[in-house]
Amino acid sequence: MAQVQPRSTSIAGASDGRNLDLLMNVSLVVTAELGRTKMPVRDILKLAVGSVIELDRLASGPVDVLVNDKLVARGEVVSVDDNFGVRVQEIIDKPNA
């Protein structure tokens, strides 16, 4: 699997010399989201093998990359050996609140 290099180890407000190396091995949940939909319970209970759930995105559209449920990037689905992967096409920069 390809190694990803961090963009930066600086954190706003961390200019007082705190060592960020302690955080570098913390594991976070990364999710690639193809799309979403809402369904009534009656339709969910009717789901069976072969059922198709239509999502709110085009098949050719980007997928969202979330880290601990926070949107951080968008990309395209790719094949990596026998697994799915995401090629990052856009980093979502949000100003600090």
N, C-alpha and C. Protein backbone atom coordinates (compact mmCIF):
# COMPACT_ATOMS: atom_id res chain seq x y z
N MET A 1 0.84 -1.17 0.00
CA MET A 1 0.00 0.00 0.00
C MET A 1 0.89 1.23 0.00
N ALA A 2 0.47 2.26 -0.71
CA ALA A 2 1.26 3.48 -0.83
C ALA A 2 1.28 4.25 0.48
N GLN A 3 2.44 4.82 0.80
CA GLN A 3 2.58 5.65 1.99
C GLN A 3 2.19 7.08 1.64
N VAL A 4 1.50 7.73 2.52
CA VAL A 4 1.07 9.11 2.32
C VAL A 4 1.87 10.00 3.25
N GLN A 5 2.48 11.03 2.70
CA GLN A 5 3.25 11.97 3.49
C GLN A 5 2.33 13.09 3.97
N PRO A 6 2.45 13.50 5.22
CA PRO A 6 1.60 14.59 5.72
C PRO A 6 1.93 15.89 5.02
N ARG A 7 0.90 16.73 4.82
CA ARG A 7 1.11 18.03 4.18
C ARG A 7 1.87 18.96 5.10
N SER A 8 1.59 18.90 6.37
CA SER A 8 2.21 19.82 7.32
C SER A 8 1.99 19.28 8.72
N THR A 9 2.94 19.53 9.60
CA THR A 9 2.76 19.11 10.98
C THR A 9 2.45 20.29 11.88
N SER A 10 2.21 21.46 11.28
CA SER A 10 1.92 22.62 12.10
C SER A 10 0.43 22.71 12.38
N ILE A 11 0.12 23.16 13.57
CA ILE A 11 -1.26 23.34 13.98
C ILE A 11 -1.39 24.77 14.48
N ALA A 12 -2.46 25.43 14.06
CA ALA A 12 -2.68 26.80 14.49
C ALA A 12 -2.68 26.87 16.01
N GLY A 13 -1.92 27.79 16.56
CA GLY A 13 -1.86 27.93 18.01
C GLY A 13 -0.81 27.05 18.66
N ALA A 14 -0.09 26.25 17.87
CA ALA A 14 0.90 25.34 18.44
C ALA A 14 2.31 25.88 18.26
N SER A 15 2.45 27.18 18.13
CA SER A 15 3.76 27.78 17.90
C SER A 15 4.57 27.90 19.18
N ASP A 16 4.06 27.40 20.28
CA ASP A 16 4.78 27.50 21.54
C ASP A 16 5.79 26.38 21.73
N GLY A 17 6.06 25.60 20.67
CA GLY A 17 7.08 24.57 20.74
C GLY A 17 6.58 23.21 21.19
N ARG A 18 5.29 23.02 21.32
CA ARG A 18 4.78 21.70 21.70
C ARG A 18 5.19 20.67 20.66
N ASN A 19 5.52 19.48 21.10
CA ASN A 19 5.97 18.42 20.22
C ASN A 19 4.77 17.68 19.65
N LEU A 20 4.57 17.78 18.34
CA LEU A 20 3.44 17.13 17.68
C LEU A 20 3.73 15.68 17.33
N ASP A 21 4.97 15.23 17.54
CA ASP A 21 5.31 13.84 17.22
C ASP A 21 4.45 12.85 17.99
N LEU A 22 3.96 13.24 19.14
CA LEU A 22 3.11 12.35 19.93
C LEU A 22 1.82 12.00 19.21
N LEU A 23 1.37 12.84 18.31
CA LEU A 23 0.11 12.62 17.61
C LEU A 23 0.26 11.86 16.30
N MET A 24 1.47 11.71 15.80
CA MET A 24 1.67 11.16 14.47
C MET A 24 1.24 9.71 14.32
N ASN A 25 1.16 8.94 15.38
CA ASN A 25 0.75 7.54 15.29
C ASN A 25 -0.68 7.30 15.76
N VAL A 26 -1.42 8.37 15.99
CA VAL A 26 -2.83 8.23 16.39
C VAL A 26 -3.63 7.80 15.16
N SER A 27 -4.42 6.75 15.30
CA SER A 27 -5.25 6.25 14.19
C SER A 27 -6.60 6.96 14.17
N LEU A 28 -7.02 7.35 12.99
CA LEU A 28 -8.32 7.99 12.79
C LEU A 28 -9.12 7.16 11.79
N VAL A 29 -10.44 7.25 11.86
CA VAL A 29 -11.31 6.52 10.94
C VAL A 29 -11.45 7.34 9.66
N VAL A 30 -11.06 6.73 8.52
CA VAL A 30 -11.18 7.38 7.22
C VAL A 30 -12.27 6.66 6.43
N THR A 31 -13.23 7.42 5.91
CA THR A 31 -14.37 6.87 5.18
C THR A 31 -14.45 7.51 3.81
N ALA A 32 -14.70 6.70 2.78
CA ALA A 32 -14.99 7.21 1.44
C ALA A 32 -16.49 7.02 1.22
N GLU A 33 -17.19 8.11 1.00
CA GLU A 33 -18.65 8.07 0.90
C GLU A 33 -19.08 8.27 -0.55
N LEU A 34 -19.74 7.25 -1.10
CA LEU A 34 -20.22 7.31 -2.49
C LEU A 34 -21.42 8.23 -2.63
N GLY A 35 -22.26 8.27 -1.64
CA GLY A 35 -23.47 9.08 -1.69
C GLY A 35 -24.39 8.71 -0.55
N ARG A 36 -25.56 9.36 -0.53
CA ARG A 36 -26.53 9.13 0.54
C ARG A 36 -27.93 9.10 -0.05
N THR A 37 -28.84 8.59 0.74
CA THR A 37 -30.25 8.64 0.40
C THR A 37 -31.06 8.49 1.68
N LYS A 38 -32.31 8.85 1.61
CA LYS A 38 -33.23 8.61 2.72
C LYS A 38 -34.27 7.62 2.23
N MET A 39 -34.60 6.67 3.09
CA MET A 39 -35.60 5.66 2.75
C MET A 39 -36.53 5.46 3.93
N PRO A 40 -37.82 5.28 3.65
CA PRO A 40 -38.74 4.94 4.74
C PRO A 40 -38.45 3.53 5.24
N VAL A 41 -38.78 3.29 6.48
CA VAL A 41 -38.54 1.98 7.09
C VAL A 41 -39.15 0.86 6.25
N ARG A 42 -40.36 1.08 5.70
CA ARG A 42 -41.02 0.02 4.91
C ARG A 42 -40.16 -0.41 3.73
N ASP A 43 -39.45 0.57 3.08
CA ASP A 43 -38.59 0.23 1.94
C ASP A 43 -37.32 -0.47 2.40
N ILE A 44 -36.80 -0.07 3.54
CA ILE A 44 -35.61 -0.74 4.08
C ILE A 44 -35.93 -2.19 4.41
N LEU A 45 -37.11 -2.43 4.97
CA LEU A 45 -37.51 -3.79 5.32
C LEU A 45 -37.74 -4.66 4.09
N LYS A 46 -37.96 -4.06 2.93
CA LYS A 46 -38.16 -4.80 1.68
C LYS A 46 -36.85 -5.14 0.98
N LEU A 47 -35.73 -4.60 1.47
CA LEU A 47 -34.44 -4.86 0.81
C LEU A 47 -34.13 -6.35 0.82
N ALA A 48 -33.61 -6.81 -0.30
CA ALA A 48 -33.23 -8.21 -0.44
C ALA A 48 -31.98 -8.27 -1.31
N VAL A 49 -31.39 -9.45 -1.40
CA VAL A 49 -30.24 -9.64 -2.27
C VAL A 49 -30.63 -9.21 -3.69
N GLY A 50 -29.83 -8.36 -4.28
CA GLY A 50 -30.12 -7.87 -5.63
C GLY A 50 -30.83 -6.53 -5.66
N SER A 51 -31.32 -6.06 -4.51
CA SER A 51 -31.96 -4.74 -4.46
C SER A 51 -30.94 -3.66 -4.80
N VAL A 52 -31.40 -2.61 -5.44
CA VAL A 52 -30.53 -1.49 -5.78
C VAL A 52 -31.00 -0.27 -5.00
N ILE A 53 -30.07 0.39 -4.34
CA ILE A 53 -30.36 1.61 -3.59
C ILE A 53 -29.77 2.77 -4.38
N GLU A 54 -30.64 3.66 -4.84
CA GLU A 54 -30.18 4.81 -5.62
C GLU A 54 -29.67 5.89 -4.67
N LEU A 55 -28.48 6.39 -4.97
CA LEU A 55 -27.85 7.42 -4.13
C LEU A 55 -28.01 8.79 -4.77
N ASP A 56 -27.63 9.82 -4.04
CA ASP A 56 -27.82 11.20 -4.48
C ASP A 56 -26.68 11.75 -5.34
N ARG A 57 -25.83 10.89 -5.86
CA ARG A 57 -24.69 11.35 -6.67
C ARG A 57 -24.62 10.60 -7.99
N LEU A 58 -24.02 11.25 -8.97
CA LEU A 58 -23.79 10.60 -10.25
C LEU A 58 -22.69 9.55 -10.10
N ALA A 59 -22.78 8.49 -10.88
CA ALA A 59 -21.77 7.43 -10.82
C ALA A 59 -20.38 7.96 -11.17
N SER A 60 -20.31 8.96 -12.01
CA SER A 60 -19.02 9.52 -12.43
C SER A 60 -18.55 10.65 -11.51
N GLY A 61 -19.34 10.98 -10.52
CA GLY A 61 -19.01 12.11 -9.64
C GLY A 61 -17.98 11.76 -8.59
N PRO A 62 -17.49 12.77 -7.89
CA PRO A 62 -16.48 12.54 -6.86
C PRO A 62 -17.09 11.90 -5.61
N VAL A 63 -16.23 11.25 -4.84
CA VAL A 63 -16.62 10.70 -3.54
C VAL A 63 -16.05 11.61 -2.46
N ASP A 64 -16.74 11.67 -1.34
CA ASP A 64 -16.25 12.45 -0.21
C ASP A 64 -15.32 11.59 0.63
N VAL A 65 -14.25 12.19 1.11
CA VAL A 65 -13.34 11.53 2.04
C VAL A 65 -13.53 12.20 3.39
N LEU A 66 -13.93 11.41 4.37
CA LEU A 66 -14.19 11.93 5.71
C LEU A 66 -13.19 11.33 6.69
N VAL A 67 -12.72 12.14 7.61
CA VAL A 67 -11.86 11.68 8.70
C VAL A 67 -12.63 11.94 9.98
N ASN A 68 -12.93 10.85 10.68
CA ASN A 68 -13.76 10.95 11.89
C ASN A 68 -15.03 11.76 11.63
N ASP A 69 -15.69 11.46 10.52
CA ASP A 69 -16.97 12.07 10.11
C ASP A 69 -16.86 13.54 9.71
N LYS A 70 -15.67 14.04 9.49
CA LYS A 70 -15.48 15.42 9.03
C LYS A 70 -14.95 15.39 7.60
N LEU A 71 -15.59 16.14 6.69
CA LEU A 71 -15.18 16.19 5.30
C LEU A 71 -13.80 16.84 5.18
N VAL A 72 -12.84 16.12 4.58
CA VAL A 72 -11.49 16.67 4.43
C VAL A 72 -11.03 16.71 2.97
N ALA A 73 -11.68 15.91 2.09
CA ALA A 73 -11.22 15.85 0.70
C ALA A 73 -12.32 15.27 -0.18
N ARG A 74 -12.11 15.41 -1.49
CA ARG A 74 -12.95 14.74 -2.49
C ARG A 74 -12.01 14.07 -3.48
N GLY A 75 -12.48 12.97 -4.07
CA GLY A 75 -11.63 12.27 -5.01
C GLY A 75 -12.41 11.33 -5.89
N GLU A 76 -11.66 10.53 -6.65
CA GLU A 76 -12.28 9.57 -7.56
C GLU A 76 -11.93 8.15 -7.11
N VAL A 77 -12.87 7.25 -7.33
CA VAL A 77 -12.67 5.85 -6.96
C VAL A 77 -11.69 5.23 -7.96
N VAL A 78 -10.70 4.51 -7.44
CA VAL A 78 -9.71 3.82 -8.27
C VAL A 78 -9.57 2.39 -7.76
N SER A 79 -8.91 1.56 -8.56
CA SER A 79 -8.62 0.19 -8.17
C SER A 79 -7.16 0.10 -7.76
N VAL A 80 -6.91 -0.46 -6.58
CA VAL A 80 -5.55 -0.65 -6.08
C VAL A 80 -5.40 -2.14 -5.80
N ASP A 81 -4.69 -2.84 -6.70
CA ASP A 81 -4.62 -4.30 -6.66
C ASP A 81 -6.05 -4.83 -6.72
N ASP A 82 -6.51 -5.54 -5.72
CA ASP A 82 -7.88 -6.06 -5.72
C ASP A 82 -8.80 -5.26 -4.81
N ASN A 83 -8.37 -4.09 -4.39
CA ASN A 83 -9.15 -3.27 -3.47
C ASN A 83 -9.57 -1.96 -4.13
N PHE A 84 -10.57 -1.33 -3.53
CA PHE A 84 -10.93 0.02 -3.92
C PHE A 84 -9.97 1.00 -3.27
N GLY A 85 -9.80 2.14 -3.90
CA GLY A 85 -9.03 3.23 -3.33
C GLY A 85 -9.65 4.54 -3.77
N VAL A 86 -9.13 5.65 -3.28
CA VAL A 86 -9.60 6.97 -3.68
C VAL A 86 -8.39 7.81 -4.04
N ARG A 87 -8.40 8.36 -5.25
CA ARG A 87 -7.36 9.30 -5.66
C ARG A 87 -7.87 10.70 -5.28
N VAL A 88 -7.16 11.36 -4.38
CA VAL A 88 -7.58 12.67 -3.88
C VAL A 88 -7.42 13.70 -5.00
N GLN A 89 -8.50 14.44 -5.25
CA GLN A 89 -8.50 15.48 -6.28
C GLN A 89 -8.67 16.88 -5.70
N GLU A 90 -9.17 16.95 -4.47
CA GLU A 90 -9.42 18.25 -3.85
C GLU A 90 -9.30 18.11 -2.34
N ILE A 91 -8.55 19.00 -1.72
CA ILE A 91 -8.47 19.07 -0.26
C ILE A 91 -9.43 20.17 0.19
N ILE A 92 -10.27 19.85 1.16
CA ILE A 92 -11.24 20.80 1.67
C ILE A 92 -10.60 21.57 2.82
N ASP A 93 -10.35 22.84 2.61
CA ASP A 93 -9.79 23.70 3.66
C ASP A 93 -10.92 24.49 4.28
N LYS A 94 -11.13 24.27 5.57
CA LYS A 94 -12.15 25.03 6.28
C LYS A 94 -11.45 25.92 7.30
N PRO A 95 -11.86 27.18 7.36
CA PRO A 95 -11.24 28.06 8.37
C PRO A 95 -11.56 27.58 9.77
N ASN A 96 -10.62 27.84 10.68
CA ASN A 96 -10.84 27.46 12.08
C ASN A 96 -12.01 28.25 12.64
N ALA A 97 -12.85 27.54 13.39
CA ALA A 97 -14.02 28.21 13.97
C ALA A 97 -13.66 28.87 15.28
